[in-house]
Amino acid sequence: MILSADKAVELSAARVLLRFGLRIAILAVFASFGSIGFGRSLAALLWLMVILCAVLAALRRERVFTAGLNHWDEMVGCFALYCAVMALNELAGS
């Protein structure tokens, strides 16, 4: 599907939240198989997801501050989870 550069397809907020939840669930499953521990694996995968969401948003030329949810908002959510996981890792001493 080729998208026009001047009109981006906006998904509903429910679909974006569902996509975000599924991505986090998949990351948690993959992190559980990590050999460096769940917390560190999840942090690394969340950081990769932050980068992926930023690249996808840039490629799709999504606007940063819009009323709807998009990949930029997913990036912020993943970054917030990354910070929380890193703080818990520091508290746990792993």
Foldseek 3Di string as FASTA:
>chain_A
DDDDLVDFDADAQVVVVVVLVVVLVVQQVVLVPDPVHNLVSSLVVLVVLLVVLVVVCVVRVPDQDDPGDGSNNSSVVSVVVSVVSVVVCVVVVD
